[in-house]
Protein backbone atom coordinates (compact mmCIF):
# COMPACT_ATOMS: atom_id res chain seq x y z
CA MET A 1 14.25 -6.00 -23.06
CA LYS A 2 10.59 -6.20 -22.17
CA THR A 3 11.79 -7.98 -19.10
CA PHE A 4 13.85 -5.30 -18.06
CA ILE A 5 11.33 -2.53 -18.60
CA LEU A 6 8.81 -4.63 -16.75
CA ALA A 7 11.44 -4.90 -13.96
CA LEU A 8 11.74 -1.18 -13.70
CA LEU A 9 7.96 -0.71 -13.46
CA ILE A 10 8.20 -3.19 -10.63
CA SER A 11 10.93 -1.23 -8.96
CA SER A 12 8.87 1.95 -9.21
CA THR A 13 6.04 0.51 -7.27
CA ALA A 14 7.68 -1.84 -4.70
CA PHE A 15 8.38 1.17 -2.11
CA ALA A 16 5.85 3.69 -3.82
CA ALA A 17 4.43 5.15 -0.72
CA THR A 18 5.91 8.39 -1.47
CA ASN A 19 6.11 10.60 -4.52
CA GLY A 20 4.22 8.16 -6.91
CA GLY A 21 6.79 5.48 -7.05
CA LEU A 22 9.40 7.78 -8.55
CA GLY A 23 13.19 7.12 -8.55
CA GLY A 24 14.61 6.54 -5.09
CA ALA A 25 11.19 5.67 -3.45
CA PHE A 26 13.06 3.16 -1.14
CA THR A 27 15.05 5.87 0.63
CA ARG A 28 11.92 7.84 1.56
CA VAL A 29 10.66 5.30 4.05
CA GLY A 30 13.01 6.63 6.77
CA ALA A 31 16.06 5.33 8.62
CA GLY A 32 16.42 4.36 12.22
CA VAL A 33 13.89 2.81 14.39
CA ARG A 34 13.49 5.53 16.97
CA ALA A 35 12.75 8.10 14.10
CA GLN A 36 10.03 5.64 12.70
CA ALA A 37 8.57 5.30 15.98
CA MET A 38 8.31 9.19 16.23
CA GLY A 39 6.59 9.33 12.76
CA ASN A 40 9.80 10.35 11.04
CA ALA A 41 9.53 13.77 12.72
CA PHE A 42 13.06 14.01 12.88
CA THR A 43 14.56 16.84 10.95
CA ALA A 44 14.94 18.98 14.43
CA VAL A 45 15.88 15.87 16.51
CA ALA A 46 18.46 14.10 14.21
CA GLU A 47 20.51 12.44 16.93
CA GLY A 48 23.01 9.59 16.27
CA PRO A 49 23.72 8.14 12.97
CA SER A 50 20.12 8.91 11.91
CA ALA A 51 21.31 12.66 11.50
CA LEU A 52 22.99 11.49 8.30
CA TYR A 53 19.71 10.77 6.78
CA PHE A 54 17.35 13.46 8.17
CA ASN A 55 19.74 16.39 8.89
CA PRO A 56 23.59 16.28 8.32
CA GLY A 57 23.61 19.71 9.79
CA ALA A 58 22.93 18.20 13.28
CA LEU A 59 26.31 16.16 13.02
CA SER A 60 28.03 18.93 14.59
CA PHE A 61 26.11 19.01 17.86
CA GLN A 62 26.94 15.13 18.48
CA GLU A 63 28.40 14.71 21.96
CA ASN A 64 29.12 11.02 21.61
CA SER A 65 30.12 8.35 19.01
CA GLU A 66 27.44 5.97 18.15
CA PHE A 67 26.96 3.03 16.04
CA ASN A 68 23.31 1.61 15.06
CA ALA A 69 21.88 -1.25 13.07
CA SER A 70 18.24 -1.76 12.23
CA SER A 71 16.04 -3.80 10.16
CA ARG A 72 12.38 -3.07 9.26
CA SER A 73 10.24 -5.99 7.71
CA MET A 74 7.26 -4.81 5.65
CA ALA A 75 4.23 -6.48 3.70
CA LEU A 76 5.02 -7.93 0.27
CA ASP A 77 8.46 -9.34 1.27
CA ARG A 78 9.89 -6.00 1.39
CA ARG A 79 12.69 -5.23 3.92
CA VAL A 80 14.69 -2.11 4.72
CA ASP A 81 18.08 -2.27 6.72
CA TYR A 82 20.01 0.65 7.92
CA VAL A 83 23.51 0.61 9.50
CA GLY A 84 25.31 3.92 10.35
CA PHE A 85 28.25 5.51 12.50
CA SER A 86 28.47 8.85 13.83
CA THR A 87 31.23 10.62 15.92
CA PRO A 88 32.07 14.32 16.87
CA LEU A 89 35.16 15.95 15.70
CA LYS A 90 37.04 18.71 17.49
CA PRO A 91 39.36 20.41 14.56
CA LYS A 92 41.33 23.43 15.34
CA THR A 93 41.22 26.42 12.86
CA GLU A 94 43.32 29.55 13.85
CA GLY A 95 43.94 28.25 17.19
CA LYS A 96 40.33 27.73 18.10
CA VAL A 97 38.46 24.46 18.57
CA VAL A 98 35.54 24.00 16.19
CA ASN A 99 32.47 21.60 16.85
CA ALA A 100 32.09 19.14 13.85
CA GLY A 101 30.78 15.86 13.13
CA VAL A 102 30.90 13.20 10.42
CA ALA A 103 29.07 10.14 9.63
CA VAL A 104 28.71 7.07 7.32
CA GLY A 105 25.69 4.88 6.60
CA TRP A 106 24.35 2.19 4.42
CA LEU A 107 20.68 1.95 3.61
CA HIS A 108 19.77 -1.22 1.91
CA ALA A 109 16.33 -2.14 0.69
CA ALA A 110 15.22 -5.46 -0.92
CA VAL A 111 12.12 -7.10 -2.48
CA ASN A 112 12.53 -10.98 -3.01
CA ASP A 113 10.65 -13.46 -5.05
CA ILE A 114 8.94 -10.88 -7.29
CA ASP A 115 6.52 -12.80 -9.63
CA SER A 116 7.42 -11.26 -12.82
CA ARG A 117 5.75 -11.49 -16.13
CA ASP A 118 6.18 -10.16 -19.70
CA PHE A 119 3.79 -7.61 -21.35
CA ASP A 120 1.85 -10.53 -22.76
CA GLY A 121 1.10 -11.82 -19.22
CA ARG A 122 3.39 -14.94 -19.61
CA PRO A 123 5.16 -15.92 -16.21
CA LEU A 124 8.95 -15.40 -15.92
CA GLU A 125 11.19 -16.45 -13.40
CA MET A 126 11.06 -15.32 -9.72
CA ILE A 127 13.42 -12.11 -9.44
CA ASP A 128 14.99 -10.22 -6.64
CA MET A 129 15.64 -6.60 -6.23
CA SER A 130 18.37 -4.82 -4.25
CA SER A 131 18.80 -1.20 -3.83
CA ASN A 132 21.81 0.31 -1.90
CA VAL A 133 22.71 3.92 -0.76
CA PHE A 134 26.00 4.53 0.69
CA GLN A 135 26.33 7.98 2.42
CA PHE A 136 29.14 10.18 3.93
CA GLY A 137 28.19 13.21 5.81
CA PHE A 138 30.04 16.02 7.44
CA GLY A 139 28.61 18.79 9.72
CA ILE A 140 30.17 22.04 11.22
CA GLN A 141 29.01 24.53 13.82
CA PHE A 142 29.10 28.19 12.78
CA SER A 143 28.07 29.21 16.46
CA PRO A 144 26.94 27.32 19.54
CA LYS A 145 23.22 27.72 18.29
CA ILE A 146 23.58 26.82 14.55
CA GLY A 147 25.21 24.28 12.20
CA ALA A 148 25.12 23.20 8.71
CA GLY A 149 26.19 19.85 6.97
CA VAL A 150 26.04 18.09 3.87
CA ALA A 151 25.90 14.49 2.97
CA ALA A 152 27.05 12.72 -0.49
CA LYS A 153 25.42 9.44 -1.45
CA VAL A 154 26.31 6.72 -3.83
CA VAL A 155 23.49 4.64 -5.30
CA TYR A 156 23.83 1.11 -6.51
CA GLU A 157 20.59 -1.00 -7.45
CA THR A 158 20.39 -4.42 -8.94
CA PHE A 159 17.85 -6.80 -10.53
CA GLY A 160 18.62 -10.33 -10.75
CA LYS A 161 18.08 -12.95 -13.44
CA ILE A 162 16.45 -10.62 -16.05
CA ALA A 163 19.32 -10.41 -18.67
CA ASP A 164 19.08 -12.85 -21.61
CA ASP A 165 21.86 -14.91 -19.80
CA ASN A 166 20.17 -14.67 -16.44
CA SER A 167 22.57 -12.28 -14.93
CA SER A 168 21.71 -9.09 -13.03
CA VAL A 169 21.09 -5.80 -14.51
CA ASN A 170 22.60 -2.91 -12.37
CA GLY A 171 22.02 0.70 -11.93
CA ASN A 172 23.93 3.50 -10.29
CA GLY A 173 23.82 7.04 -9.44
CA PHE A 174 24.95 9.82 -7.05
CA GLY A 175 23.20 12.56 -5.11
CA VAL A 176 23.44 15.11 -2.36
CA ASP A 177 21.77 16.20 0.87
CA ALA A 178 22.08 19.31 2.71
CA GLY A 179 20.86 20.48 6.27
CA LEU A 180 20.56 23.38 8.65
CA PHE A 181 20.22 22.75 12.61
CA ALA A 182 19.60 25.45 15.08
CA LYS A 183 19.17 25.75 18.86
CA PRO A 184 17.61 29.24 19.37
CA ILE A 185 16.58 28.93 22.76
CA GLU A 186 16.82 26.38 25.50
CA HIS A 187 14.70 23.29 24.96
CA LEU A 188 13.78 24.17 21.47
CA THR A 189 15.54 22.94 18.15
CA LEU A 190 14.80 23.63 14.60
CA GLY A 191 15.82 21.91 11.26
CA ALA A 192 15.77 22.41 7.65
CA GLN A 193 16.82 19.87 4.90
CA LEU A 194 17.18 19.82 1.21
CA LYS A 195 17.16 15.97 0.01
CA ASP A 196 18.01 14.30 -3.25
CA LEU A 197 19.84 17.26 -4.96
CA ASN A 198 20.49 16.04 -8.48
CA SER A 199 19.87 12.49 -7.43
CA LYS A 200 19.21 9.75 -10.10
CA THR A 201 19.68 6.25 -10.97
CA THR A 202 20.94 5.44 -14.45
CA TRP A 203 20.49 2.03 -15.87
CA ASN A 204 22.62 0.97 -18.89
CA THR A 205 21.65 -2.33 -20.69
CA SER A 206 24.10 -2.10 -23.61
CA ASN A 207 26.27 -4.87 -22.11
CA TYR A 208 23.18 -7.17 -22.04
CA TRP A 209 21.39 -6.70 -25.14
CA SER A 210 22.42 -5.82 -28.67
CA GLN A 211 19.89 -3.19 -28.77
CA GLY A 212 20.31 -2.10 -25.27
CA THR A 213 19.57 1.37 -23.94
CA SER A 214 20.01 3.70 -20.91
CA LYS A 215 17.27 4.87 -18.63
CA ILE A 216 17.47 7.39 -16.14
CA ASP A 217 15.16 7.44 -13.02
CA GLU A 218 15.42 11.10 -11.69
CA TRP A 219 14.75 11.28 -8.06
CA PRO A 220 12.30 14.20 -6.90
CA LEU A 221 13.87 17.00 -4.93
CA GLN A 222 12.56 17.07 -1.22
CA TYR A 223 12.50 19.60 1.33
CA ARG A 224 11.70 19.36 5.13
CA ILE A 225 11.38 21.83 7.94
CA GLY A 226 10.84 20.82 11.47
CA GLY A 227 10.83 21.77 15.18
CA ALA A 228 11.37 19.92 18.43
CA TYR A 229 10.81 20.84 22.05
CA GLN A 230 12.27 18.81 25.02
CA TYR A 231 10.70 19.48 28.35
CA GLU A 232 12.04 17.22 31.10
CA TRP A 233 11.11 13.75 30.30
CA LEU A 234 9.17 14.58 27.21
CA LEU A 235 9.87 15.17 23.62
CA GLY A 236 7.56 16.52 20.87
CA ALA A 237 8.51 16.94 17.18
CA LEU A 238 6.79 18.18 14.08
CA ASP A 239 8.04 18.08 10.50
CA ILE A 240 6.43 19.28 7.14
CA GLU A 241 7.79 17.47 4.26
CA GLY A 242 7.32 18.55 0.73
CA SER A 243 8.77 17.98 -2.82
CA GLU A 244 8.93 19.30 -6.29
CA GLU A 245 6.24 16.96 -7.36
CA GLY A 246 3.89 18.95 -5.17
CA GLU A 247 3.46 16.35 -2.45
CA THR A 248 3.09 17.72 1.21
CA LYS A 249 3.12 15.30 4.08
CA LEU A 250 3.15 15.94 7.87
CA HIS A 251 5.03 14.11 10.51
CA ALA A 252 4.54 14.00 14.20
CA GLY A 253 5.95 12.23 17.00
CA ALA A 254 6.40 12.24 20.84
CA GLU A 255 8.82 10.57 23.17
CA ALA A 256 8.29 9.79 26.88
CA LYS A 257 11.64 8.75 28.60
CA THR A 258 12.32 8.01 32.21
CA ALA A 259 15.58 6.89 33.83
CA ILE A 260 15.62 3.66 35.92
CA THR A 261 19.28 4.03 36.93
CA ASP A 262 22.15 6.23 36.08
CA ARG A 263 22.87 4.01 33.09
CA GLN A 264 19.51 2.54 32.39
CA TRP A 265 16.25 4.12 30.99
CA VAL A 266 13.18 3.24 29.19
CA ALA A 267 10.99 5.26 26.43
CA GLY A 268 7.72 4.96 24.92
CA ARG A 269 6.94 6.68 21.52
CA LEU A 270 4.12 7.51 19.48
CA GLY A 271 4.12 8.82 15.91
CA LEU A 272 2.13 9.80 12.73
CA ASP A 273 4.15 9.41 9.59
CA HIS A 274 1.66 10.93 7.01
CA GLU A 275 -1.13 8.53 7.17
CA ASN A 276 0.58 5.61 9.15
CA PHE A 277 0.31 5.50 12.88
CA ASN A 278 3.43 4.12 14.75
CA ILE A 279 4.04 2.90 18.42
CA GLY A 280 7.39 2.03 19.84
CA VAL A 281 9.47 1.46 22.91
CA GLY A 282 13.20 1.73 23.66
CA LEU A 283 15.57 0.46 26.38
CA GLY A 284 18.97 1.92 27.19
CA PHE A 285 21.28 -0.07 29.61
CA GLU A 286 25.01 -0.44 30.09
CA PHE A 287 26.80 -3.45 28.43
CA TRP A 288 30.47 -4.10 28.27
CA LYS A 289 30.98 -0.53 29.85
CA VAL A 290 29.02 1.03 26.86
CA LEU A 291 25.64 2.07 26.63
CA SER A 292 23.51 -0.23 24.40
CA LYS A 293 20.10 0.72 23.02
CA VAL A 294 17.57 -1.41 21.90
CA ASP A 295 14.40 -0.16 20.04
CA PHE A 296 11.20 -1.66 18.49
CA THR A 297 8.68 -0.05 16.43
CA TYR A 298 5.33 -1.35 15.07
CA THR A 299 3.54 0.57 12.28
CA LEU A 300 -0.15 0.40 11.55
CA GLU A 301 -0.03 0.53 7.49
CA THR A 302 -3.02 2.18 5.70
CA VAL A 303 -2.02 1.01 2.24
CA ALA A 304 -0.04 -2.07 2.53
CA PRO A 305 -1.98 -5.36 3.37
CA ASP A 306 -0.04 -5.99 6.51
CA ASP A 307 1.62 -4.01 9.16
CA ALA A 308 5.44 -3.48 9.47
CA VAL A 309 7.67 -4.04 12.41
CA ALA A 310 11.35 -2.64 12.97
CA VAL A 311 13.97 -3.48 15.42
CA SER A 312 17.40 -1.87 16.10
CA TRP A 313 20.40 -2.19 18.26
CA GLY A 314 23.08 0.42 18.93
CA VAL A 315 25.79 1.52 21.16
CA GLU A 316 26.81 4.88 22.22
CA PHE A 317 30.51 5.57 23.57
């Protein structure tokens, strides 16, 4: 049991850049390399599968189907991966076509070779941590200028080799996100999101120890508002993020994009993610008659001992 409690303390600090290492910290580092380069100021941008994470209300404004896969490598053997797919829908109601969209996504975080110890300081075996969120989202337009959406998430987390028989101990949970997305005037978009409504991870160790118990990691409710303005080749975005824990953060980003040909473009990005500065590049090109996208982001970490890098590949069709 002591090993399990210590492992939970490790899990609460491994991705503790936000909200003091409370439950679900791994989900608060962002999703998508383009968004990361722009400082995660994406609530009012929310394009492609990243809309599922930042603002499901924007799913109803998607014009094309898109698949994207990304991986982010951070200090202390931490890694965050994200795979998502989004597509527009055109259902009919009362004979009228309604603009809508759906998306599915998988956010995975891992920390390998954790040097675990008991409360007396004696070394234990190396352990691995794996955290996963599986999401499904739906968005619908109420008018050409405003849409709303919700995203349901299923949580599954695991620690290896900490039970008495060296098996893994697992936790699971459920949560909901909700978002609004608006285009009040040309070039301007606005977004708002409530994140982690009633989200939690429940750990039950009764199957592993005779005196097992349950532990619930509550996830703090978060909220975001943001705005973005697109003027020709330049996009600027700003988000304000808060939580029920009283933490407030600023996210700001910019993207400069220029066309090389009709089916090729290159983009440069800058962003401030609270205290971390990000710089990134993106390239779009036609491959096998579909638009492919490759993105790269470098993050200057202010707390972690090493900087972070992220890469992604996606297709739009």
